Amino acid sequence: MFPLPDPMRLALDAARQAGQAGEVPVGAVVMRQGEVIATGANAPRRLHDPTAHAEIQAIRAAAARLGRDRLEDCDLWVTLEPCAMCAGAIAHARIARLYYAASDPKGGAVEHGPRFFAQPTCHHRPDIYSGMGEGEAAGLLRDFFTARR
């Protein structure tokens, strides 16, 4: 088995921290030319903000750090398949490449549900790579929800 790339390892660390804080354990990292630009972790409950998904947190932080709304030279690494809201944000930010670990048959919008990037109304489609770190990401989610039951 190959070691996970550093950005996915960082995203998993952020997911783990979110889970420890009582949030659904999802983490995200924005990279640009091999440099970490921003990280994000799920925080809807803590921030009382239903849009505070890990991807949105990371995209907002990256845009603020770079001082622009277009992140066309950036990659997003996330531990769970993005939902429709996050896929829309990824498209609007013009993220170049999307890497995600675990698929989300219930709430995902990339390979499941609306398949956002395949829609003719989607004006930007990142390159998409899935499955890296899937077992670990899925395990974090499974353990989180098992503990809640």
C-alpha atoms as a PDB file:
ATOM      1  CA  MET A   1       0.000   0.000   0.000  1.00  0.00           C
ATOM      2  CA  PHE A   2       1.261   3.450  -0.902  1.00  0.00           C
ATOM      3  CA  PRO A   3       1.376   6.294   1.627  1.00  0.00           C
ATOM      4  CA  LEU A   4      -1.264   8.967   1.188  1.00  0.00           C
ATOM      5  CA  PRO A   5      -0.216  12.268  -0.367  1.00  0.00           C
ATOM      6  CA  ASP A   6       0.420  14.963   2.231  1.00  0.00           C
ATOM      7  CA  PRO A   7      -2.633  17.062   1.270  1.00  0.00           C
ATOM      8  CA  MET A   8      -4.995  14.134   1.893  1.00  0.00           C
ATOM      9  CA  ARG A   9      -3.234  13.346   5.156  1.00  0.00           C
ATOM     10  CA  LEU A  10      -3.787  17.004   6.214  1.00  0.00           C
ATOM     11  CA  ALA A  11      -7.448  16.808   5.161  1.00  0.00           C
ATOM     12  CA  LEU A  12      -7.879  13.638   7.229  1.00  0.00           C
ATOM     13  CA  ASP A  13      -6.269  15.372  10.213  1.00  0.00           C
ATOM     14  CA  ALA A  14      -8.744  18.262   9.830  1.00  0.00           C
ATOM     15  CA  ALA A  15     -11.605  15.754   9.588  1.00  0.00           C
ATOM     16  CA  ARG A  16     -10.436  14.045  12.756  1.00  0.00           C
ATOM     17  CA  GLN A  17     -10.371  17.405  14.575  1.00  0.00           C
ATOM     18  CA  ALA A  18     -13.886  18.211  13.359  1.00  0.00           C
ATOM     19  CA  GLY A  19     -15.129  14.868  14.676  1.00  0.00           C
ATOM     20  CA  GLN A  20     -13.505  15.480  18.053  1.00  0.00           C
ATOM     21  CA  ALA A  21     -15.347  18.820  18.181  1.00  0.00           C
ATOM     22  CA  GLY A  22     -18.674  17.070  17.569  1.00  0.00           C
ATOM     23  CA  GLU A  23     -18.924  17.974  13.886  1.00  0.00           C
ATOM     24  CA  VAL A  24     -19.296  15.440  11.083  1.00  0.00           C
ATOM     25  CA  PRO A  25     -15.638  14.514  10.396  1.00  0.00           C
ATOM     26  CA  VAL A  26     -14.900  16.068   7.021  1.00  0.00           C
ATOM     27  CA  GLY A  27     -11.730  18.004   6.232  1.00  0.00           C
ATOM     28  CA  ALA A  28     -10.443  19.892   3.206  1.00  0.00           C
ATOM     29  CA  VAL A  29      -7.182  21.423   2.017  1.00  0.00           C
ATOM     30  CA  VAL A  30      -6.524  23.898  -0.806  1.00  0.00           C
ATOM     31  CA  MET A  31      -3.115  23.508  -2.447  1.00  0.00           C
ATOM     32  CA  ARG A  32      -1.344  25.758  -4.932  1.00  0.00           C
ATOM     33  CA  GLN A  33       1.937  24.780  -6.577  1.00  0.00           C
ATOM     34  CA  GLY A  34       2.723  22.317  -3.793  1.00  0.00           C
ATOM     35  CA  GLU A  35       1.957  24.792  -0.993  1.00  0.00           C
ATOM     36  CA  VAL A  36      -0.879  24.532   1.512  1.00  0.00           C
ATOM     37  CA  ILE A  37      -2.965  27.668   1.001  1.00  0.00           C
ATOM     38  CA  ALA A  38      -5.830  26.863   3.386  1.00  0.00           C
ATOM     39  CA  THR A  39      -7.449  24.108   5.390  1.00  0.00           C
ATOM     40  CA  GLY A  40     -11.038  23.683   6.440  1.00  0.00           C
ATOM     41  CA  ALA A  41     -13.080  21.403   8.634  1.00  0.00           C
ATOM     42  CA  ASN A  42     -16.812  20.965   9.004  1.00  0.00           C
ATOM     43  CA  ALA A  43     -18.195  23.573  11.415  1.00  0.00           C
ATOM     44  CA  PRO A  44     -21.945  24.059  10.818  1.00  0.00           C
ATOM     45  CA  ARG A  45     -22.883  23.385  14.439  1.00  0.00           C
ATOM     46  CA  ARG A  46     -20.064  25.394  15.983  1.00  0.00           C
ATOM     47  CA  LEU A  47     -20.626  28.378  13.695  1.00  0.00           C
ATOM     48  CA  HIS A  48     -24.427  28.026  13.510  1.00  0.00           C
ATOM     49  CA  ASP A  49     -23.994  28.145   9.731  1.00  0.00           C
ATOM     50  CA  PRO A  50     -25.382  25.399   7.474  1.00  0.00           C
ATOM     51  CA  THR A  51     -22.920  26.441   4.747  1.00  0.00           C
ATOM     52  CA  ALA A  52     -19.836  25.890   6.938  1.00  0.00           C
ATOM     53  CA  HIS A  53     -18.812  22.659   5.226  1.00  0.00           C
ATOM     54  CA  ALA A  54     -15.105  21.830   5.119  1.00  0.00           C
ATOM     55  CA  GLU A  55     -14.833  22.667   1.410  1.00  0.00           C
ATOM     56  CA  ILE A  56     -16.513  26.048   1.832  1.00  0.00           C
ATOM     57  CA  GLN A  57     -14.317  26.871   4.825  1.00  0.00           C
ATOM     58  CA  ALA A  58     -11.166  25.997   2.865  1.00  0.00           C
ATOM     59  CA  ILE A  59     -12.257  27.834  -0.294  1.00  0.00           C
ATOM     60  CA  ARG A  60     -13.172  30.983   1.669  1.00  0.00           C
ATOM     61  CA  ALA A  61      -9.837  30.947   3.490  1.00  0.00           C
ATOM     62  CA  ALA A  62      -7.882  30.373   0.268  1.00  0.00           C
ATOM     63  CA  ALA A  63      -9.695  33.178  -1.564  1.00  0.00           C
ATOM     64  CA  ALA A  64      -9.053  35.556   1.345  1.00  0.00           C
ATOM     65  CA  ARG A  65      -5.385  34.575   1.556  1.00  0.00           C
ATOM     66  CA  LEU A  66      -4.830  34.970  -2.189  1.00  0.00           C
ATOM     67  CA  GLY A  67      -7.017  38.069  -2.419  1.00  0.00           C
ATOM     68  CA  ARG A  68      -9.154  36.787  -5.289  1.00  0.00           C
ATOM     69  CA  ASP A  69     -12.279  34.789  -5.939  1.00  0.00           C
ATOM     70  CA  ARG A  70     -10.879  32.625  -8.724  1.00  0.00           C
ATOM     71  CA  LEU A  71      -8.691  29.745  -7.607  1.00  0.00           C
ATOM     72  CA  GLU A  72      -7.995  28.313 -11.063  1.00  0.00           C
ATOM     73  CA  ASP A  73      -4.417  27.395 -10.128  1.00  0.00           C
ATOM     74  CA  CYS A  74      -5.474  25.549  -6.963  1.00  0.00           C
ATOM     75  CA  ASP A  75      -6.396  21.987  -6.083  1.00  0.00           C
ATOM     76  CA  LEU A  76      -8.926  20.942  -3.444  1.00  0.00           C
ATOM     77  CA  TRP A  77      -8.380  17.815  -1.375  1.00  0.00           C
ATOM     78  CA  VAL A  78     -11.380  16.670   0.684  1.00  0.00           C
ATOM     79  CA  THR A  79     -12.185  13.566   2.681  1.00  0.00           C
ATOM     80  CA  LEU A  80     -15.764  13.125   1.417  1.00  0.00           C
ATOM     81  CA  GLU A  81     -17.445  13.507  -1.972  1.00  0.00           C
ATOM     82  CA  PRO A  82     -18.727  17.103  -2.104  1.00  0.00           C
ATOM     83  CA  CYS A  83     -22.439  17.849  -1.842  1.00  0.00           C
ATOM     84  CA  ALA A  84     -24.272  19.979  -4.425  1.00  0.00           C
ATOM     85  CA  MET A  85     -23.575  23.216  -2.515  1.00  0.00           C
ATOM     86  CA  CYS A  86     -19.863  22.500  -2.296  1.00  0.00           C
ATOM     87  CA  ALA A  87     -19.677  21.330  -5.916  1.00  0.00           C
ATOM     88  CA  GLY A  88     -21.224  24.668  -6.904  1.00  0.00           C
ATOM     89  CA  ALA A  89     -18.625  26.539  -4.859  1.00  0.00           C
ATOM     90  CA  ILE A  90     -15.836  24.477  -6.448  1.00  0.00           C
ATOM     91  CA  ALA A  91     -17.123  25.387  -9.910  1.00  0.00           C
ATOM     92  CA  HIS A  92     -17.527  29.094  -9.063  1.00  0.00           C
ATOM     93  CA  ALA A  93     -14.021  29.193  -7.571  1.00  0.00           C
ATOM     94  CA  ARG A  94     -12.683  27.521 -10.727  1.00  0.00           C
ATOM     95  CA  ILE A  95     -10.747  24.917  -8.721  1.00  0.00           C
ATOM     96  CA  ALA A  96      -8.415  23.100 -11.155  1.00  0.00           C
ATOM     97  CA  ARG A  97      -8.419  19.629  -9.590  1.00  0.00           C
ATOM     98  CA  LEU A  98     -10.660  17.956  -7.015  1.00  0.00           C
ATOM     99  CA  TYR A  99      -9.365  15.007  -5.002  1.00  0.00           C
ATOM    100  CA  TYR A 100     -11.760  13.284  -2.618  1.00  0.00           C
ATOM    101  CA  ALA A 101     -11.421  10.192  -0.491  1.00  0.00           C
ATOM    102  CA  ALA A 102     -14.777   8.591   0.308  1.00  0.00           C
ATOM    103  CA  SER A 103     -17.832   8.484  -1.918  1.00  0.00           C
ATOM    104  CA  ASP A 104     -21.136   9.700  -0.483  1.00  0.00           C
ATOM    105  CA  PRO A 105     -24.073   7.834  -2.050  1.00  0.00           C
ATOM    106  CA  LYS A 106     -26.615   9.762   0.083  1.00  0.00           C
ATOM    107  CA  GLY A 107     -25.371  13.346  -0.126  1.00  0.00           C
ATOM    108  CA  GLY A 108     -22.638  13.427  -2.743  1.00  0.00           C
ATOM    109  CA  ALA A 109     -23.085  15.406  -5.940  1.00  0.00           C
ATOM    110  CA  VAL A 110     -20.036  14.427  -8.000  1.00  0.00           C
ATOM    111  CA  GLU A 111     -20.508  10.735  -8.777  1.00  0.00           C
ATOM    112  CA  HIS A 112     -23.884  10.463  -7.037  1.00  0.00           C
ATOM    113  CA  GLY A 113     -27.104  12.468  -6.902  1.00  0.00           C
ATOM    114  CA  PRO A 114     -27.154  15.390  -9.329  1.00  0.00           C
ATOM    115  CA  ARG A 115     -23.646  14.702 -10.716  1.00  0.00           C
ATOM    116  CA  PHE A 116     -23.130  18.449 -10.684  1.00  0.00           C
ATOM    117  CA  PHE A 117     -20.086  18.671 -12.945  1.00  0.00           C
ATOM    118  CA  ALA A 118     -21.807  16.641 -15.686  1.00  0.00           C
ATOM    119  CA  GLN A 119     -24.673  19.137 -15.999  1.00  0.00           C
ATOM    120  CA  PRO A 120     -24.737  21.354 -19.104  1.00  0.00           C
ATOM    121  CA  THR A 121     -25.333  24.391 -16.882  1.00  0.00           C
ATOM    122  CA  CYS A 122     -22.043  23.827 -15.047  1.00  0.00           C
ATOM    123  CA  HIS A 123     -19.556  26.294 -16.512  1.00  0.00           C
ATOM    124  CA  HIS A 124     -16.400  24.853 -14.938  1.00  0.00           C
ATOM    125  CA  ARG A 125     -15.453  21.237 -14.375  1.00  0.00           C
ATOM    126  CA  PRO A 126     -12.358  20.402 -12.347  1.00  0.00           C
ATOM    127  CA  ASP A 127     -10.320  17.312 -13.046  1.00  0.00           C
ATOM    128  CA  ILE A 128     -11.640  14.765 -10.538  1.00  0.00           C
ATOM    129  CA  TYR A 129      -9.737  12.039  -8.689  1.00  0.00           C
ATOM    130  CA  SER A 130     -11.441   9.893  -6.066  1.00  0.00           C
ATOM    131  CA  GLY A 131     -10.619   7.076  -3.689  1.00  0.00           C
ATOM    132  CA  MET A 132      -7.302   8.168  -2.135  1.00  0.00           C
ATOM    133  CA  GLY A 133      -7.686   7.577   1.589  1.00  0.00           C
ATOM    134  CA  GLU A 134     -11.194   6.230   1.136  1.00  0.00           C
ATOM    135  CA  GLY A 135     -10.907   3.550   3.829  1.00  0.00           C
ATOM    136  CA  GLU A 136      -9.620   5.935   6.480  1.00  0.00           C
ATOM    137  CA  ALA A 137     -12.122   8.672   5.633  1.00  0.00           C
ATOM    138  CA  ALA A 138     -15.037   6.220   5.593  1.00  0.00           C
ATOM    139  CA  GLY A 139     -13.833   4.789   8.913  1.00  0.00           C
ATOM    140  CA  LEU A 140     -13.852   8.228  10.546  1.00  0.00           C
ATOM    141  CA  LEU A 141     -17.426   8.787   9.390  1.00  0.00           C
ATOM    142  CA  ARG A 142     -18.584   5.298  10.365  1.00  0.00           C
ATOM    143  CA  ASP A 143     -17.061   5.593  13.847  1.00  0.00           C
ATOM    144  CA  PHE A 144     -18.536   9.081  14.321  1.00  0.00           C
ATOM    145  CA  PHE A 145     -22.083   8.010  13.465  1.00  0.00           C
ATOM    146  CA  THR A 146     -21.818   4.712  15.377  1.00  0.00           C
ATOM    147  CA  ALA A 147     -20.878   6.657  18.528  1.00  0.00           C
ATOM    148  CA  ARG A 148     -23.934   8.912  18.031  1.00  0.00           C
ATOM    149  CA  ARG A 149     -26.420   6.030  17.937  1.00  0.00           C
END
